[in-house]
Amino acid sequence: MNKPNISVYGILDAGVTPDADFVTMALAAVKGGATLLQLRAKEAGDGWVLETARAIVHELVGFEVPLLLNDRVELVAATGAQGAHIGQDDMPAREARRWLGHHRILGLSIGSEADAETAPVAEIDYACIGGVFATPSKDKPGAPIGIAGWQRCAAILRARRPDLPVGAIAGIGPANAADVIAAGADGIAVISAMFAQPDVTKATAELAAIVANARAGRAQ
């Protein structure tokens, strides 16, 4: 299986920044220290996803930062992307793995302890648990699970598969990223705190530094 670096995971969301230049933003994030990127465009047609993902993949040649597609598992091979991320209401993980093969990355969203208990951990390469904090970027608003909820879900996943990278998502930014890492997260998944900022490279670099410092503090 793959073991992606989810430390600083940037999600390019067409629903949050619909008029943005996603290729430019992707490159800016990578230059700032993003370790993984996802293209998320729930309402866009396949043609837009194909064109945009191909352009991002081309722009990132040489950087060794994977691009994943949100949900569009069947488009991954055609775009040259390195994998996909799926939610609880998307294609089942086992079916997604059959589409992707074992050389591509597959991530899964976890929203509850029940999700963690039933997740097909043998099929996925990482999990993102959330929403940890309140965020306007979330499609299905609900009560955030908080850091304590994140830890409970992570403990279930890690008991079932100790080597699985487990990240945190939703409402994460400079003010709380260190808290999430200190609580045990392997990384943070970010939309607005990275891509809705005037300087994407600077915002990403700030988050990357926070993650690195918090991880160093956790190791002491």
C-alpha atoms as a PDB file:
ATOM      1  CA  MET A   1       0.000   0.000   0.000  1.00  0.00           C
ATOM      2  CA  ASN A   2       0.946   3.639  -0.377  1.00  0.00           C
ATOM      3  CA  LYS A   3       1.808   5.887   2.558  1.00  0.00           C
ATOM      4  CA  PRO A   4       1.186   9.479   1.473  1.00  0.00           C
ATOM      5  CA  ASN A   5       2.532  12.428   3.409  1.00  0.00           C
ATOM      6  CA  ILE A   6      -0.634  14.145   4.659  1.00  0.00           C
ATOM      7  CA  SER A   7       1.183  16.686   6.850  1.00  0.00           C
ATOM      8  CA  VAL A   8      -0.006  19.759   4.931  1.00  0.00           C
ATOM      9  CA  TYR A   9      -2.922  18.661   2.759  1.00  0.00           C
ATOM     10  CA  GLY A  10      -4.394  21.388   0.587  1.00  0.00           C
ATOM     11  CA  ILE A  11      -7.883  21.000  -0.863  1.00  0.00           C
ATOM     12  CA  LEU A  12      -8.614  23.077  -3.953  1.00  0.00           C
ATOM     13  CA  ASP A  13     -12.377  23.468  -3.674  1.00  0.00           C
ATOM     14  CA  ALA A  14     -14.299  24.950  -6.600  1.00  0.00           C
ATOM     15  CA  GLY A  15     -17.195  25.577  -4.257  1.00  0.00           C
ATOM     16  CA  VAL A  16     -15.108  27.845  -2.033  1.00  0.00           C
ATOM     17  CA  THR A  17     -13.014  29.670  -4.649  1.00  0.00           C
ATOM     18  CA  PRO A  18     -15.065  29.248  -7.858  1.00  0.00           C
ATOM     19  CA  ASP A  19     -13.290  31.925  -9.898  1.00  0.00           C
ATOM     20  CA  ALA A  20      -9.757  31.026  -8.878  1.00  0.00           C
ATOM     21  CA  ASP A  21      -6.883  29.915 -11.088  1.00  0.00           C
ATOM     22  CA  PHE A  22      -6.507  26.441  -9.650  1.00  0.00           C
ATOM     23  CA  VAL A  23      -3.289  25.661 -11.495  1.00  0.00           C
ATOM     24  CA  THR A  24      -1.585  28.767 -10.121  1.00  0.00           C
ATOM     25  CA  MET A  25      -2.931  28.108  -6.630  1.00  0.00           C
ATOM     26  CA  ALA A  26      -1.749  24.507  -6.692  1.00  0.00           C
ATOM     27  CA  LEU A  27       1.769  25.554  -7.627  1.00  0.00           C
ATOM     28  CA  ALA A  28       1.766  28.299  -4.988  1.00  0.00           C
ATOM     29  CA  ALA A  29       0.723  25.818  -2.289  1.00  0.00           C
ATOM     30  CA  VAL A  30       3.424  23.351  -3.257  1.00  0.00           C
ATOM     31  CA  LYS A  31       6.046  26.093  -3.158  1.00  0.00           C
ATOM     32  CA  GLY A  32       4.832  26.913   0.355  1.00  0.00           C
ATOM     33  CA  GLY A  33       5.238  23.350   1.565  1.00  0.00           C
ATOM     34  CA  ALA A  34       2.009  21.493   0.777  1.00  0.00           C
ATOM     35  CA  THR A  35       2.668  17.750   0.811  1.00  0.00           C
ATOM     36  CA  LEU A  36      -0.573  16.576  -0.814  1.00  0.00           C
ATOM     37  CA  LEU A  37      -3.279  18.249  -2.913  1.00  0.00           C
ATOM     38  CA  GLN A  38      -6.879  17.402  -3.726  1.00  0.00           C
ATOM     39  CA  LEU A  39      -9.096  18.854  -6.441  1.00  0.00           C
ATOM     40  CA  ARG A  40     -12.673  19.037  -5.192  1.00  0.00           C
ATOM     41  CA  ALA A  41     -15.409  20.159  -7.581  1.00  0.00           C
ATOM     42  CA  LYS A  42     -18.727  18.605  -6.596  1.00  0.00           C
ATOM     43  CA  GLU A  43     -20.801  20.654  -9.039  1.00  0.00           C
ATOM     44  CA  ALA A  44     -18.396  20.787 -12.003  1.00  0.00           C
ATOM     45  CA  GLY A  45     -18.747  18.623 -15.076  1.00  0.00           C
ATOM     46  CA  ASP A  46     -16.298  15.897 -15.984  1.00  0.00           C
ATOM     47  CA  GLY A  47     -14.808  18.035 -18.747  1.00  0.00           C
ATOM     48  CA  TRP A  48     -13.791  20.785 -16.326  1.00  0.00           C
ATOM     49  CA  VAL A  49     -12.307  18.283 -13.898  1.00  0.00           C
ATOM     50  CA  LEU A  50     -10.344  16.561 -16.659  1.00  0.00           C
ATOM     51  CA  GLU A  51      -8.939  19.794 -18.038  1.00  0.00           C
ATOM     52  CA  THR A  52      -8.107  21.323 -14.666  1.00  0.00           C
ATOM     53  CA  ALA A  53      -6.581  18.198 -13.152  1.00  0.00           C
ATOM     54  CA  ARG A  54      -4.427  17.568 -16.218  1.00  0.00           C
ATOM     55  CA  ALA A  55      -3.151  21.131 -16.094  1.00  0.00           C
ATOM     56  CA  ILE A  56      -2.306  20.851 -12.393  1.00  0.00           C
ATOM     57  CA  VAL A  57      -0.526  17.526 -12.867  1.00  0.00           C
ATOM     58  CA  HIS A  58       1.511  19.033 -15.715  1.00  0.00           C
ATOM     59  CA  GLU A  59       2.419  22.099 -13.631  1.00  0.00           C
ATOM     60  CA  LEU A  60       3.559  19.983 -10.691  1.00  0.00           C
ATOM     61  CA  VAL A  61       5.924  17.722 -12.628  1.00  0.00           C
ATOM     62  CA  GLY A  62       9.137  17.456 -10.635  1.00  0.00           C
ATOM     63  CA  PHE A  63       7.671  18.471  -7.284  1.00  0.00           C
ATOM     64  CA  GLU A  64       6.639  14.953  -6.178  1.00  0.00           C
ATOM     65  CA  VAL A  65       3.460  16.248  -4.556  1.00  0.00           C
ATOM     66  CA  PRO A  66       0.517  13.998  -5.475  1.00  0.00           C
ATOM     67  CA  LEU A  67      -2.795  15.344  -6.756  1.00  0.00           C
ATOM     68  CA  LEU A  68      -5.948  13.470  -5.779  1.00  0.00           C
ATOM     69  CA  LEU A  69      -9.430  13.879  -7.199  1.00  0.00           C
ATOM     70  CA  ASN A  70     -12.375  14.143  -4.861  1.00  0.00           C
ATOM     71  CA  ASP A  71     -14.843  11.363  -5.671  1.00  0.00           C
ATOM     72  CA  ARG A  72     -14.173  11.226  -9.455  1.00  0.00           C
ATOM     73  CA  VAL A  73     -12.428   7.875  -9.200  1.00  0.00           C
ATOM     74  CA  GLU A  74     -13.220   6.978 -12.802  1.00  0.00           C
ATOM     75  CA  LEU A  75     -11.350  10.082 -14.051  1.00  0.00           C
ATOM     76  CA  VAL A  76      -8.104   9.540 -12.169  1.00  0.00           C
ATOM     77  CA  ALA A  77      -6.262   7.566 -14.836  1.00  0.00           C
ATOM     78  CA  ALA A  78      -7.331   9.937 -17.615  1.00  0.00           C
ATOM     79  CA  THR A  79      -6.062  13.002 -15.755  1.00  0.00           C
ATOM     80  CA  GLY A  80      -2.751  11.577 -14.625  1.00  0.00           C
ATOM     81  CA  ALA A  81      -3.676  12.243 -10.993  1.00  0.00           C
ATOM     82  CA  GLN A  82      -2.101  10.035  -8.363  1.00  0.00           C
ATOM     83  CA  GLY A  83      -5.298   8.925  -6.666  1.00  0.00           C
ATOM     84  CA  ALA A  84      -8.665   9.856  -5.205  1.00  0.00           C
ATOM     85  CA  HIS A  85     -10.386  10.808  -1.974  1.00  0.00           C
ATOM     86  CA  ILE A  86     -13.875   9.541  -1.226  1.00  0.00           C
ATOM     87  CA  GLY A  87     -16.500  10.331   1.378  1.00  0.00           C
ATOM     88  CA  GLN A  88     -19.013   8.126   3.130  1.00  0.00           C
ATOM     89  CA  ASP A  89     -21.643   8.827   0.450  1.00  0.00           C
ATOM     90  CA  ASP A  90     -19.351   8.316  -2.541  1.00  0.00           C
ATOM     91  CA  MET A  91     -18.231   5.172  -4.323  1.00  0.00           C
ATOM     92  CA  PRO A  92     -17.492   2.375  -1.800  1.00  0.00           C
ATOM     93  CA  ALA A  93     -13.800   2.068  -0.963  1.00  0.00           C
ATOM     94  CA  ARG A  94     -13.498  -1.478  -2.240  1.00  0.00           C
ATOM     95  CA  GLU A  95     -14.932  -0.492  -5.604  1.00  0.00           C
ATOM     96  CA  ALA A  96     -12.729   2.594  -5.714  1.00  0.00           C
ATOM     97  CA  ARG A  97      -9.675   0.442  -5.062  1.00  0.00           C
ATOM     98  CA  ARG A  98     -10.603  -1.810  -7.971  1.00  0.00           C
ATOM     99  CA  TRP A  99     -10.749   1.254 -10.234  1.00  0.00           C
ATOM    100  CA  LEU A 100      -7.464   2.687  -8.967  1.00  0.00           C
ATOM    101  CA  GLY A 101      -5.367  -0.404  -8.516  1.00  0.00           C
ATOM    102  CA  HIS A 102      -2.859  -0.615  -5.686  1.00  0.00           C
ATOM    103  CA  HIS A 103      -0.317   1.826  -7.111  1.00  0.00           C
ATOM    104  CA  ARG A 104      -2.575   4.869  -6.640  1.00  0.00           C
ATOM    105  CA  ILE A 105      -3.574   6.629  -3.422  1.00  0.00           C
ATOM    106  CA  LEU A 106      -7.018   6.246  -1.888  1.00  0.00           C
ATOM    107  CA  GLY A 107      -8.190   8.379   1.026  1.00  0.00           C
ATOM    108  CA  LEU A 108     -11.418   8.194   3.019  1.00  0.00           C
ATOM    109  CA  SER A 109     -13.404  10.718   5.076  1.00  0.00           C
ATOM    110  CA  ILE A 110     -14.408   9.653   8.594  1.00  0.00           C
ATOM    111  CA  GLY A 111     -17.112  11.620  10.383  1.00  0.00           C
ATOM    112  CA  SER A 112     -17.961   9.517  13.404  1.00  0.00           C
ATOM    113  CA  GLU A 113     -16.891   6.640  15.589  1.00  0.00           C
ATOM    114  CA  ALA A 114     -19.279   4.418  13.634  1.00  0.00           C
ATOM    115  CA  ASP A 115     -17.484   5.367  10.420  1.00  0.00           C
ATOM    116  CA  ALA A 116     -14.156   4.517  12.034  1.00  0.00           C
ATOM    117  CA  GLU A 117     -15.429   1.155  13.227  1.00  0.00           C
ATOM    118  CA  THR A 118     -16.681   0.123   9.785  1.00  0.00           C
ATOM    119  CA  ALA A 119     -14.057   1.735   7.534  1.00  0.00           C
ATOM    120  CA  PRO A 120     -12.397  -0.767   5.161  1.00  0.00           C
ATOM    121  CA  VAL A 121      -8.946   0.077   6.490  1.00  0.00           C
ATOM    122  CA  ALA A 122      -7.208  -2.525   4.329  1.00  0.00           C
ATOM    123  CA  GLU A 123      -8.348  -0.712   1.183  1.00  0.00           C
ATOM    124  CA  ILE A 124      -7.317   2.869   2.011  1.00  0.00           C
ATOM    125  CA  ASP A 125      -3.999   4.685   2.294  1.00  0.00           C
ATOM    126  CA  TYR A 126      -5.055   7.389   4.756  1.00  0.00           C
ATOM    127  CA  ALA A 127      -8.109   8.756   6.535  1.00  0.00           C
ATOM    128  CA  CYS A 128      -9.213  12.304   7.324  1.00  0.00           C
ATOM    129  CA  ILE A 129     -11.433  12.728  10.377  1.00  0.00           C
ATOM    130  CA  GLY A 130     -13.828  15.646  10.711  1.00  0.00           C
ATOM    131  CA  GLY A 131     -15.329  18.056  10.906  1.00  0.00           C
ATOM    132  CA  VAL A 132     -13.181  18.863  13.840  1.00  0.00           C
ATOM    133  CA  PHE A 133     -14.179  22.532  14.003  1.00  0.00           C
ATOM    134  CA  ALA A 134     -17.026  24.562  12.513  1.00  0.00           C
ATOM    135  CA  THR A 135     -16.452  25.602   8.911  1.00  0.00           C
ATOM    136  CA  PRO A 136     -18.515  27.178   6.102  1.00  0.00           C
ATOM    137  CA  SER A 137     -16.793  24.820   3.650  1.00  0.00           C
ATOM    138  CA  LYS A 138     -18.656  21.753   4.903  1.00  0.00           C
ATOM    139  CA  ASP A 139     -21.468  20.468   2.668  1.00  0.00           C
ATOM    140  CA  LYS A 140     -23.510  18.966   5.496  1.00  0.00           C
ATOM    141  CA  PRO A 141     -23.334  21.266   8.498  1.00  0.00           C
ATOM    142  CA  GLY A 142     -23.506  19.569  11.843  1.00  0.00           C
ATOM    143  CA  ALA A 143     -21.987  19.779  15.271  1.00  0.00           C
ATOM    144  CA  PRO A 144     -18.180  19.618  15.086  1.00  0.00           C
ATOM    145  CA  ILE A 145     -16.700  16.582  16.797  1.00  0.00           C
ATOM    146  CA  GLY A 146     -13.922  18.637  18.393  1.00  0.00           C
ATOM    147  CA  ILE A 147     -10.464  17.424  19.265  1.00  0.00           C
ATOM    148  CA  ALA A 148     -11.770  14.871  21.754  1.00  0.00           C
ATOM    149  CA  GLY A 149     -14.072  13.394  19.102  1.00  0.00           C
ATOM    150  CA  TRP A 150     -11.198  13.322  16.638  1.00  0.00           C
ATOM    151  CA  GLN A 151      -9.071  11.420  19.149  1.00  0.00           C
ATOM    152  CA  ARG A 152     -11.769   8.825  19.745  1.00  0.00           C
ATOM    153  CA  CYS A 153     -12.157   8.176  16.026  1.00  0.00           C
ATOM    154  CA  ALA A 154      -8.400   8.086  15.487  1.00  0.00           C
ATOM    155  CA  ALA A 155      -7.955   5.584  18.316  1.00  0.00           C
ATOM    156  CA  ILE A 156     -10.464   3.240  16.678  1.00  0.00           C
ATOM    157  CA  LEU A 157      -8.757   3.471  13.287  1.00  0.00           C
ATOM    158  CA  ARG A 158      -5.288   3.000  14.722  1.00  0.00           C
ATOM    159  CA  ALA A 159      -6.356   0.021  16.788  1.00  0.00           C
ATOM    160  CA  ARG A 160      -7.588  -1.579  13.587  1.00  0.00           C
ATOM    161  CA  ARG A 161      -4.576  -0.533  11.486  1.00  0.00           C
ATOM    162  CA  PRO A 162      -1.673   1.059  13.364  1.00  0.00           C
ATOM    163  CA  ASP A 163       0.250   2.221  10.275  1.00  0.00           C
ATOM    164  CA  LEU A 164      -2.652   4.176   8.730  1.00  0.00           C
ATOM    165  CA  PRO A 165      -1.946   7.930   8.410  1.00  0.00           C
ATOM    166  CA  VAL A 166      -4.793   9.814  10.074  1.00  0.00           C
ATOM    167  CA  GLY A 167      -5.409  13.508   9.454  1.00  0.00           C
ATOM    168  CA  ALA A 168      -7.883  16.129  10.608  1.00  0.00           C
ATOM    169  CA  ILE A 169     -10.190  18.325   8.531  1.00  0.00           C
ATOM    170  CA  ALA A 170     -12.618  21.236   8.860  1.00  0.00           C
ATOM    171  CA  GLY A 171     -12.084  24.671  10.327  1.00  0.00           C
ATOM    172  CA  ILE A 172      -8.335  24.196  10.705  1.00  0.00           C
ATOM    173  CA  GLY A 173      -6.038  27.208  10.406  1.00  0.00           C
ATOM    174  CA  PRO A 174      -3.080  28.904  12.081  1.00  0.00           C
ATOM    175  CA  ALA A 175      -4.938  29.380  15.366  1.00  0.00           C
ATOM    176  CA  ASN A 176      -5.674  25.692  15.984  1.00  0.00           C
ATOM    177  CA  ALA A 177      -3.414  23.611  13.718  1.00  0.00           C
ATOM    178  CA  ALA A 178      -0.861  23.059  16.485  1.00  0.00           C
ATOM    179  CA  ASP A 179      -3.581  21.785  18.823  1.00  0.00           C
ATOM    180  CA  VAL A 180      -4.672  19.194  16.280  1.00  0.00           C
ATOM    181  CA  ILE A 181      -1.131  17.943  15.708  1.00  0.00           C
ATOM    182  CA  ALA A 182      -0.467  17.888  19.461  1.00  0.00           C
ATOM    183  CA  ALA A 183      -3.575  15.730  19.828  1.00  0.00           C
ATOM    184  CA  GLY A 184      -2.032  13.116  17.550  1.00  0.00           C
ATOM    185  CA  ALA A 185      -2.999  14.019  13.988  1.00  0.00           C
ATOM    186  CA  ASP A 186      -0.539  13.067  11.261  1.00  0.00           C
ATOM    187  CA  GLY A 187      -1.572  16.110   9.267  1.00  0.00           C
ATOM    188  CA  ILE A 188      -4.120  18.812   8.563  1.00  0.00           C
ATOM    189  CA  ALA A 189      -6.443  19.101   5.567  1.00  0.00           C
ATOM    190  CA  VAL A 190      -7.134  22.742   4.736  1.00  0.00           C
ATOM    191  CA  ILE A 191      -9.258  24.712   2.276  1.00  0.00           C
ATOM    192  CA  SER A 192      -9.896  28.336   3.257  1.00  0.00           C
ATOM    193  CA  ALA A 193      -6.857  28.885   5.481  1.00  0.00           C
ATOM    194  CA  MET A 194      -4.714  28.103   2.461  1.00  0.00           C
ATOM    195  CA  PHE A 195      -6.592  28.930  -0.730  1.00  0.00           C
ATOM    196  CA  ALA A 196      -8.868  31.776   0.360  1.00  0.00           C
ATOM    197  CA  GLN A 197      -5.843  33.826   1.435  1.00  0.00           C
ATOM    198  CA  PRO A 198      -4.270  36.645  -0.600  1.00  0.00           C
ATOM    199  CA  ASP A 199      -0.853  34.919  -0.627  1.00  0.00           C
ATOM    200  CA  VAL A 200      -1.283  31.152  -0.921  1.00  0.00           C
ATOM    201  CA  THR A 201       2.423  30.388  -0.680  1.00  0.00           C
ATOM    202  CA  LYS A 202       2.814  32.438   2.487  1.00  0.00           C
ATOM    203  CA  ALA A 203      -0.313  30.958   4.082  1.00  0.00           C
ATOM    204  CA  THR A 204       0.826  27.431   3.269  1.00  0.00           C
ATOM    205  CA  ALA A 205       4.335  28.057   4.583  1.00  0.00           C
ATOM    206  CA  GLU A 206       2.892  29.350   7.849  1.00  0.00           C
ATOM    207  CA  LEU A 207       0.792  26.223   8.270  1.00  0.00           C
ATOM    208  CA  ALA A 208       3.721  23.974   7.339  1.00  0.00           C
ATOM    209  CA  ALA A 209       5.884  25.640   9.997  1.00  0.00           C
ATOM    210  CA  ILE A 210       3.162  25.241  12.612  1.00  0.00           C
ATOM    211  CA  VAL A 211       2.775  21.545  11.798  1.00  0.00           C
ATOM    212  CA  ALA A 212       6.535  20.951  11.909  1.00  0.00           C
ATOM    213  CA  ASN A 213       6.938  22.768  15.237  1.00  0.00           C
ATOM    214  CA  ALA A 214       3.957  21.018  16.809  1.00  0.00           C
ATOM    215  CA  ARG A 215       5.255  17.647  15.673  1.00  0.00           C
ATOM    216  CA  ALA A 216       8.681  18.418  17.125  1.00  0.00           C
ATOM    217  CA  GLY A 217       7.072  19.404  20.411  1.00  0.00           C
ATOM    218  CA  ARG A 218       5.045  16.202  20.472  1.00  0.00           C
ATOM    219  CA  ALA A 219       8.224  14.155  20.041  1.00  0.00           C
ATOM    220  CA  GLN A 220       9.930  15.702  23.077  1.00  0.00           C
END
